[in-house]
Amino acid sequence: MHDLYSLQAALRLEEVDLPLIYALFRPLIFLFPAEFAHHLGLTLLRAGLCIGPLRRLLRWWVLPKSNRLKTQLWGQTWDHPIGLAAGLDKAGDCCEPLAALGFGAIEVGTVTAKPQPGNPKPRLFRLPKDQAIVNRFGFNNPGCEGMAANLRDLTLPCPLGINLGKSKVTPNEDAIEDYLTSLHCLKNEADYVVVNVSSPNTPGLRDLQAVDQLRPLLTALQHVCGDRLPLVLKIAPDLADEDLMAVADLAVELSLDGLIANNTTIGREGLKTSPAAVDEMGAGGLSGPPLRDRSRAVLRILARHLRGKVPIIAVGGIDDGEEAYRRIRMGASAVQIYTGFVYGGPFTAARMAKELDQLLARDGFRSVTEAIGVDLESQ
């Protein structure tokens, strides 16, 4: 074992400047249309990491070996608190290669009860000046049965979350049955389940965030999840502050297992990209650094209101270990990345975990848990 750790020390991640290598290749990748590059990247990842021992070796190599980063969430152990947000692997057919890149957890989807192609193309746009993305995918996915077939018999080295949405053809009054269909189909494949009522790309979906609609939906899903399967709610950053607190109160009332704060935004404030270029992209959810300030504000509101009663996973504009550390100190139990991964390259999560470990050590924390919410009183 000592020889193995010596080998890793000789081949440390920082000895090979992977972010620089990716930065050199990124202009070539960005020559392709965004959605084509998205699918090409996943295809190459599946092909390059199709062998189990290679995936295990790669994960062992890139992960920092630090007990300080170990994170306990819902009775599960994360090697570190930096997970992959839903939206990248919509079909659940690439989670093994993605896990090999060093994520603390993988979240797949959003998946719906019925297969659907999503919105017309083009529907994914890059904003390089802002390191941001606009998408209006519209929950393109193979349906819950298709995803279940892709996930069956997988053995992952990290927890797997499954993000559930409503089928576009299903009216809101039938939403509960739609979500239940997906949950019954996929509950045995998941380590935790996320209820997505916050995407801006399915007409009427965000109406389900109203507390009077959320309560019966979450109660029905909790009945199926029982005590074994954690149920988490993903919310929009565009909710008014009082509505955020109402959702937080509902989470406490129902003993919900967690909140993910937050999804993409329909706002377009503060962009460096020209207004004409942004208008040409059209509708969709904006993610990346332009979402950072609002995401911090949403986390601050929820963390102050909840005071640790419900765990929070922070998302939005997180692209380095310093920002992950800031969110944890603000009250997040873990964080997720998506746009930061697209711009930062394959080993972004592993790099961020190493940076986070250094920051925790600098400030004298023996574990991530000790750092959660330490800045709450000063916010």
Protein backbone atom coordinates (compact mmCIF):
# COMPACT_ATOMS: atom_id res chain seq x y z
CA MET A 1 0.00 0.00 0.00
CA HIS A 2 2.90 2.32 0.81
CA ASP A 3 4.22 1.78 -2.71
CA LEU A 4 0.83 2.71 -4.15
CA TYR A 5 0.75 6.00 -2.25
CA SER A 6 4.34 6.66 -3.30
CA LEU A 7 3.28 6.13 -6.90
CA GLN A 8 0.42 8.57 -6.49
CA ALA A 9 2.76 11.11 -4.88
CA ALA A 10 5.06 10.80 -7.90
CA LEU A 11 2.12 11.32 -10.24
CA ARG A 12 0.27 13.95 -8.23
CA LEU A 13 -2.52 15.79 -9.99
CA GLU A 14 -0.73 19.10 -9.51
CA GLU A 15 2.38 17.73 -11.26
CA VAL A 16 0.36 17.58 -14.48
CA ASP A 17 -1.35 20.91 -15.16
CA LEU A 18 -4.65 19.43 -16.29
CA PRO A 19 -6.59 22.73 -16.17
CA LEU A 20 -3.98 24.27 -18.47
CA ILE A 21 -4.15 21.30 -20.85
CA TYR A 22 -7.93 21.59 -21.01
CA ALA A 23 -7.69 25.37 -21.49
CA LEU A 24 -5.53 24.76 -24.56
CA PHE A 25 -8.02 22.31 -26.04
CA ARG A 26 -11.17 24.18 -25.06
CA PRO A 27 -11.11 26.66 -27.99
CA LEU A 28 -11.13 23.67 -30.35
CA ILE A 29 -14.02 22.05 -28.47
CA PHE A 30 -15.92 25.34 -28.46
CA LEU A 31 -15.75 25.47 -32.26
CA PHE A 32 -18.52 22.86 -32.24
CA PRO A 33 -22.13 23.80 -31.49
CA ALA A 34 -22.70 23.56 -27.75
CA GLU A 35 -25.08 20.59 -27.72
CA PHE A 36 -22.98 18.63 -30.22
CA ALA A 37 -19.90 19.21 -28.06
CA HIS A 38 -21.92 18.12 -25.02
CA HIS A 39 -22.83 14.78 -26.60
CA LEU A 40 -19.36 14.35 -28.13
CA GLY A 41 -17.75 14.81 -24.72
CA LEU A 42 -19.97 12.20 -23.11
CA THR A 43 -19.38 9.78 -25.99
CA LEU A 44 -15.60 10.15 -25.71
CA LEU A 45 -15.82 9.76 -21.94
CA ARG A 46 -17.79 6.52 -22.25
CA ALA A 47 -15.38 5.18 -24.87
CA GLY A 48 -12.22 6.20 -23.06
CA LEU A 49 -13.35 4.90 -19.67
CA CYS A 50 -15.22 1.78 -20.71
CA ILE A 51 -13.02 -0.52 -18.62
CA GLY A 52 -13.85 -0.84 -14.93
CA PRO A 53 -10.25 -1.17 -13.59
CA LEU A 54 -9.25 1.94 -15.56
CA ARG A 55 -12.12 3.92 -14.04
CA ARG A 56 -11.19 2.80 -10.53
CA LEU A 57 -7.51 3.66 -11.09
CA LEU A 58 -8.35 7.10 -12.43
CA ARG A 59 -10.62 7.93 -9.51
CA TRP A 60 -7.99 6.74 -7.03
CA TRP A 61 -5.41 8.92 -8.78
CA VAL A 62 -7.37 12.16 -8.91
CA LEU A 63 -9.05 12.11 -5.49
CA PRO A 64 -7.25 13.88 -2.62
CA LYS A 65 -6.43 11.41 0.14
CA SER A 66 -7.77 13.42 3.05
CA ASN A 67 -10.17 12.32 5.76
CA ARG A 68 -10.89 16.00 6.33
CA LEU A 69 -13.02 16.00 3.17
CA LYS A 70 -15.20 13.02 4.09
CA THR A 71 -18.83 14.11 4.15
CA GLN A 72 -21.76 12.33 5.79
CA LEU A 73 -25.11 13.15 4.22
CA TRP A 74 -28.31 11.11 4.69
CA GLY A 75 -26.30 8.27 6.17
CA GLN A 76 -24.12 8.11 3.07
CA THR A 77 -20.41 8.81 2.80
CA TRP A 78 -19.13 11.21 0.14
CA ASP A 79 -15.35 11.24 -0.44
CA HIS A 80 -15.72 15.01 -0.58
CA PRO A 81 -18.68 17.42 -0.73
CA ILE A 82 -18.45 18.39 -4.41
CA GLY A 83 -21.04 16.65 -6.57
CA LEU A 84 -22.20 16.84 -10.17
CA ALA A 85 -25.50 18.62 -10.69
CA ALA A 86 -28.28 17.14 -12.79
CA GLY A 87 -28.45 18.13 -16.44
CA LEU A 88 -25.18 16.74 -17.78
CA ASP A 89 -26.10 13.03 -17.84
CA LYS A 90 -29.78 13.15 -18.69
CA ALA A 91 -30.12 9.46 -19.56
CA GLY A 92 -28.02 7.95 -16.78
CA ASP A 93 -25.76 6.25 -19.31
CA CYS A 94 -22.49 7.97 -18.38
CA CYS A 95 -22.44 8.02 -14.58
CA GLU A 96 -19.67 5.41 -14.21
CA PRO A 97 -17.15 7.40 -16.34
CA LEU A 98 -18.24 10.64 -14.67
CA ALA A 99 -17.68 9.14 -11.23
CA ALA A 100 -14.17 8.18 -12.35
CA LEU A 101 -13.38 11.88 -12.74
CA GLY A 102 -13.55 12.29 -8.99
CA PHE A 103 -16.99 13.65 -8.10
CA GLY A 104 -18.21 13.25 -4.54
CA ALA A 105 -21.65 12.30 -5.86
CA ILE A 106 -23.37 12.06 -9.25
CA GLU A 107 -26.87 13.31 -9.99
CA VAL A 108 -28.51 12.17 -13.22
CA GLY A 109 -31.58 13.45 -15.05
CA THR A 110 -33.82 15.30 -15.11
CA VAL A 111 -35.93 12.24 -16.01
CA THR A 112 -39.67 12.17 -16.66
CA ALA A 113 -42.25 9.41 -16.57
CA LYS A 114 -42.57 9.46 -20.36
CA PRO A 115 -39.74 9.70 -22.90
CA GLN A 116 -39.55 13.11 -24.53
CA PRO A 117 -37.29 14.79 -27.09
CA GLY A 118 -37.19 18.16 -25.36
CA ASN A 119 -37.46 21.54 -26.99
CA PRO A 120 -36.46 22.29 -30.60
CA LYS A 121 -32.76 22.89 -31.33
CA PRO A 122 -30.69 24.98 -30.88
CA ARG A 123 -31.33 24.91 -27.15
CA LEU A 124 -27.89 25.17 -25.54
CA PHE A 125 -25.73 28.29 -25.76
CA ARG A 126 -22.36 29.33 -24.38
CA LEU A 127 -21.55 32.81 -23.07
CA PRO A 128 -17.72 32.61 -22.92
CA LYS A 129 -17.28 36.21 -21.77
CA ASP A 130 -19.35 35.32 -18.71
CA GLN A 131 -18.18 31.69 -18.38
CA ALA A 132 -21.91 30.97 -18.46
CA ILE A 133 -24.48 28.80 -20.24
CA VAL A 134 -28.09 29.29 -21.32
CA ASN A 135 -30.14 26.15 -21.88
CA ARG A 136 -33.72 25.37 -22.74
CA PHE A 137 -33.41 21.61 -23.15
CA GLY A 138 -36.90 20.94 -21.86
CA PHE A 139 -36.15 17.67 -20.05
CA ASN A 140 -35.01 15.66 -23.09
CA ASN A 141 -34.60 12.13 -21.72
CA PRO A 142 -35.42 8.47 -22.41
CA GLY A 143 -38.16 8.29 -19.77
CA CYS A 144 -37.98 6.57 -16.41
CA GLU A 145 -37.98 3.03 -17.85
CA GLY A 146 -35.15 3.89 -20.23
CA MET A 147 -33.09 5.39 -17.43
CA ALA A 148 -33.81 2.43 -15.15
CA ALA A 149 -32.40 0.11 -17.82
CA ASN A 150 -29.25 2.26 -18.06
CA LEU A 151 -28.72 2.33 -14.29
CA ARG A 152 -29.49 -1.29 -13.52
CA ASP A 153 -26.58 -3.34 -12.14
CA LEU A 154 -24.21 -0.36 -11.88
CA THR A 155 -21.69 -0.25 -9.07
CA LEU A 156 -20.63 3.31 -8.34
CA PRO A 157 -17.90 4.49 -5.97
CA CYS A 158 -20.06 7.43 -4.88
CA PRO A 159 -23.73 8.15 -4.11
CA LEU A 160 -26.15 8.46 -7.04
CA GLY A 161 -28.98 10.97 -7.09
CA ILE A 162 -31.86 10.81 -9.55
CA ASN A 163 -33.57 14.07 -10.49
CA LEU A 164 -37.29 13.72 -11.30
CA GLY A 165 -39.34 16.12 -13.39
CA LYS A 166 -42.83 16.31 -14.86
CA SER A 167 -43.57 15.12 -18.40
CA LYS A 168 -44.42 18.05 -20.66
CA VAL A 169 -47.65 16.42 -21.86
CA THR A 170 -48.88 15.91 -18.31
CA PRO A 171 -51.10 18.72 -16.97
CA ASN A 172 -50.23 20.09 -13.54
CA GLU A 173 -53.34 18.56 -12.00
CA ASP A 174 -51.91 15.12 -12.83
CA ALA A 175 -48.34 15.95 -11.81
CA ILE A 176 -48.37 13.79 -8.67
CA GLU A 177 -49.09 10.61 -10.62
CA ASP A 178 -46.42 11.54 -13.16
CA TYR A 179 -43.74 11.96 -10.48
CA LEU A 180 -44.92 8.80 -8.69
CA THR A 181 -44.56 6.77 -11.88
CA SER A 182 -40.92 7.82 -12.17
CA LEU A 183 -40.23 7.25 -8.48
CA HIS A 184 -41.70 3.72 -8.45
CA CYS A 185 -39.63 2.90 -11.54
CA LEU A 186 -36.32 4.27 -10.26
CA LYS A 187 -36.41 4.09 -6.47
CA ASN A 188 -34.25 0.96 -6.30
CA GLU A 189 -31.51 2.54 -8.40
CA ALA A 190 -31.09 5.77 -6.37
CA ASP A 191 -29.23 6.75 -3.21
CA TYR A 192 -31.33 9.92 -3.08
CA VAL A 193 -34.13 11.42 -5.17
CA VAL A 194 -34.55 15.05 -6.18
CA VAL A 195 -37.90 16.64 -7.01
CA ASN A 196 -37.40 19.21 -9.76
CA VAL A 197 -40.24 21.74 -9.91
CA SER A 198 -37.92 24.63 -10.70
CA SER A 199 -36.76 24.31 -14.30
CA PRO A 200 -37.84 27.29 -16.41
CA ASN A 201 -38.00 25.18 -19.58
CA THR A 202 -41.21 23.18 -19.02
CA PRO A 203 -44.35 25.35 -19.26
CA GLY A 204 -46.15 25.67 -15.94
CA LEU A 205 -43.64 23.58 -13.99
CA ARG A 206 -42.59 26.37 -11.64
CA ASP A 207 -46.22 26.81 -10.60
CA LEU A 208 -45.74 23.61 -8.60
CA GLN A 209 -43.38 25.49 -6.26
CA ALA A 210 -46.37 27.12 -4.58
CA VAL A 211 -46.64 25.62 -1.11
CA ASP A 212 -50.25 24.52 -1.56
CA GLN A 213 -49.19 22.48 -4.61
CA LEU A 214 -45.88 21.31 -3.18
CA ARG A 215 -47.31 19.83 0.02
CA PRO A 216 -49.44 17.06 -1.58
CA LEU A 217 -46.74 16.29 -4.14
CA LEU A 218 -43.96 15.90 -1.57
CA THR A 219 -46.21 14.00 0.85
CA ALA A 220 -47.12 11.46 -1.84
CA LEU A 221 -43.47 10.98 -2.81
CA GLN A 222 -42.37 10.67 0.81
CA HIS A 223 -44.86 7.87 1.31
CA VAL A 224 -43.09 5.87 -1.40
CA CYS A 225 -39.56 6.80 -0.28
CA GLY A 226 -40.20 5.83 3.32
CA ASP A 227 -37.26 6.02 5.70
CA ARG A 228 -34.79 4.41 3.29
CA LEU A 229 -34.64 6.82 0.37
CA PRO A 230 -33.85 10.52 1.02
CA LEU A 231 -36.17 12.97 -0.76
CA VAL A 232 -34.75 16.37 -1.73
CA LEU A 233 -36.39 19.41 -3.32
CA LYS A 234 -34.67 21.61 -5.92
CA ILE A 235 -35.85 25.21 -5.98
CA ALA A 236 -35.54 28.18 -8.32
CA PRO A 237 -33.42 31.27 -7.57
CA ASP A 238 -36.18 33.48 -8.93
CA LEU A 239 -38.55 32.87 -6.01
CA ALA A 240 -39.27 35.92 -3.86
CA ASP A 241 -37.54 35.87 -0.49
CA GLU A 242 -40.80 35.31 1.39
CA ASP A 243 -41.60 32.35 -0.88
CA LEU A 244 -38.18 30.87 -0.15
CA MET A 245 -38.93 31.01 3.55
CA ALA A 246 -42.35 29.45 2.97
CA VAL A 247 -40.68 26.54 1.15
CA ALA A 248 -38.17 26.24 4.00
CA ASP A 249 -41.03 26.09 6.52
CA LEU A 250 -42.69 23.38 4.46
CA ALA A 251 -39.43 21.40 4.36
CA VAL A 252 -39.30 21.48 8.16
CA GLU A 253 -43.00 20.64 8.48
CA LEU A 254 -42.63 17.57 6.27
CA SER A 255 -39.18 16.59 7.62
CA LEU A 256 -37.83 16.78 4.09
CA ASP A 257 -34.34 15.33 3.74
CA GLY A 258 -32.81 18.28 1.93
CA LEU A 259 -33.03 21.29 -0.36
CA ILE A 260 -30.95 22.03 -3.45
CA ALA A 261 -30.46 25.75 -3.87
CA ASN A 262 -30.77 26.38 -6.70
CA ASN A 263 -31.74 25.78 -10.34
CA THR A 264 -30.99 28.09 -13.29
CA THR A 265 -32.40 31.60 -13.53
CA ILE A 266 -34.53 33.36 -16.12
CA GLY A 267 -32.75 36.61 -15.22
CA ARG A 268 -30.13 38.17 -17.49
CA GLU A 269 -28.70 40.88 -15.24
CA GLY A 270 -25.03 41.85 -15.17
CA LEU A 271 -23.87 39.96 -18.26
CA LYS A 272 -20.72 40.91 -20.19
CA THR A 273 -22.14 39.28 -23.32
CA SER A 274 -23.82 41.85 -25.58
CA PRO A 275 -27.58 42.29 -25.14
CA ALA A 276 -28.07 41.56 -28.85
CA ALA A 277 -26.29 38.20 -28.56
CA VAL A 278 -28.26 37.32 -25.43
CA ASP A 279 -31.56 38.26 -27.11
CA GLU A 280 -30.66 36.08 -30.09
CA MET A 281 -30.31 33.07 -27.78
CA GLY A 282 -33.88 33.51 -26.59
CA ALA A 283 -35.48 31.98 -23.52
CA GLY A 284 -33.83 29.50 -21.20
CA GLY A 285 -32.14 29.05 -17.85
CA LEU A 286 -28.89 30.90 -17.20
CA SER A 287 -26.16 29.19 -15.16
CA GLY A 288 -22.60 29.99 -14.15
CA PRO A 289 -20.93 33.00 -12.48
CA PRO A 290 -23.74 35.47 -13.34
CA LEU A 291 -25.96 33.40 -11.01
CA ARG A 292 -23.46 33.50 -8.16
CA ASP A 293 -24.72 36.49 -6.20
CA ARG A 294 -28.34 35.37 -6.24
CA SER A 295 -27.36 31.81 -5.37
CA ARG A 296 -25.43 33.07 -2.37
CA ALA A 297 -28.42 35.17 -1.34
CA VAL A 298 -30.80 32.21 -1.63
CA LEU A 299 -28.45 30.05 0.45
CA ARG A 300 -28.12 32.79 3.06
CA ILE A 301 -31.90 33.15 3.40
CA LEU A 302 -32.47 29.40 3.67
CA ALA A 303 -29.57 28.73 6.02
CA ARG A 304 -30.59 31.52 8.40
CA HIS A 305 -34.19 30.35 8.37
CA LEU A 306 -33.49 26.64 8.73
CA ARG A 307 -30.57 26.75 11.19
CA GLY A 308 -29.44 23.25 10.27
CA LYS A 309 -32.86 21.61 10.47
CA VAL A 310 -32.71 20.60 6.79
CA PRO A 311 -29.43 20.04 4.88
CA ILE A 312 -28.81 22.32 1.91
CA ILE A 313 -26.82 21.55 -1.24
CA ALA A 314 -25.62 24.76 -2.88
CA VAL A 315 -25.48 25.19 -6.67
CA GLY A 316 -24.90 28.16 -8.95
CA GLY A 317 -21.67 29.89 -9.94
CA ILE A 318 -19.40 27.50 -8.06
CA ASP A 319 -16.21 26.83 -10.01
CA ASP A 320 -13.35 26.62 -7.53
CA GLY A 321 -12.58 25.37 -4.06
CA GLU A 322 -12.71 28.85 -2.56
CA GLU A 323 -16.33 29.34 -3.65
CA ALA A 324 -17.25 25.85 -2.46
CA TYR A 325 -15.67 26.67 0.90
CA ARG A 326 -17.59 29.95 1.07
CA ARG A 327 -20.92 28.18 0.49
CA ILE A 328 -20.11 25.56 3.13
CA ARG A 329 -19.25 28.27 5.64
CA MET A 330 -22.56 29.93 4.71
CA GLY A 331 -24.46 26.78 5.66
CA ALA A 332 -24.31 24.32 2.77
CA SER A 333 -23.63 20.68 3.61
CA ALA A 334 -22.36 20.04 0.07
CA VAL A 335 -22.18 21.76 -3.32
CA GLN A 336 -22.80 20.79 -6.93
CA ILE A 337 -21.23 22.00 -10.16
CA TYR A 338 -22.28 21.96 -13.80
CA THR A 339 -21.21 25.05 -15.75
CA GLY A 340 -17.94 25.20 -13.84
CA PHE A 341 -17.26 21.65 -15.03
CA VAL A 342 -17.94 22.61 -18.67
CA TYR A 343 -15.51 25.53 -18.56
CA GLY A 344 -13.02 24.02 -16.11
CA GLY A 345 -12.55 20.61 -17.66
CA PRO A 346 -12.85 16.94 -16.68
CA PHE A 347 -10.99 17.10 -13.37
CA THR A 348 -12.63 20.25 -12.00
CA ALA A 349 -14.25 18.43 -9.08
CA ALA A 350 -10.99 16.79 -8.02
CA ARG A 351 -9.13 20.11 -8.28
CA MET A 352 -11.81 21.86 -6.24
CA ALA A 353 -11.69 19.15 -3.58
CA LYS A 354 -7.96 19.61 -3.22
CA GLU A 355 -8.36 23.39 -2.95
CA LEU A 356 -11.11 22.93 -0.37
CA ASP A 357 -8.94 20.60 1.68
CA GLN A 358 -6.15 23.19 1.74
CA LEU A 359 -8.55 25.90 2.90
CA LEU A 360 -9.98 23.69 5.65
CA ALA A 361 -6.46 22.86 6.84
CA ARG A 362 -5.42 26.53 6.72
CA ASP A 363 -8.30 27.49 9.00
CA GLY A 364 -7.80 24.61 11.43
CA PHE A 365 -10.88 22.53 10.59
CA ARG A 366 -10.53 18.81 11.14
CA SER A 367 -13.53 18.04 8.92
CA VAL A 368 -15.92 19.63 6.45
CA THR A 369 -18.70 19.23 9.01
CA GLU A 370 -16.95 21.60 11.41
CA ALA A 371 -17.02 24.35 8.76
CA ILE A 372 -20.73 24.13 7.88
CA GLY A 373 -22.48 27.37 8.78
CA VAL A 374 -19.63 28.97 10.73
CA ASP A 375 -20.31 32.29 8.99
CA LEU A 376 -24.06 32.25 9.65
CA GLU A 377 -23.91 34.65 12.57
CA SER A 378 -21.80 37.18 10.67
CA GLN A 379 -23.98 37.21 7.54
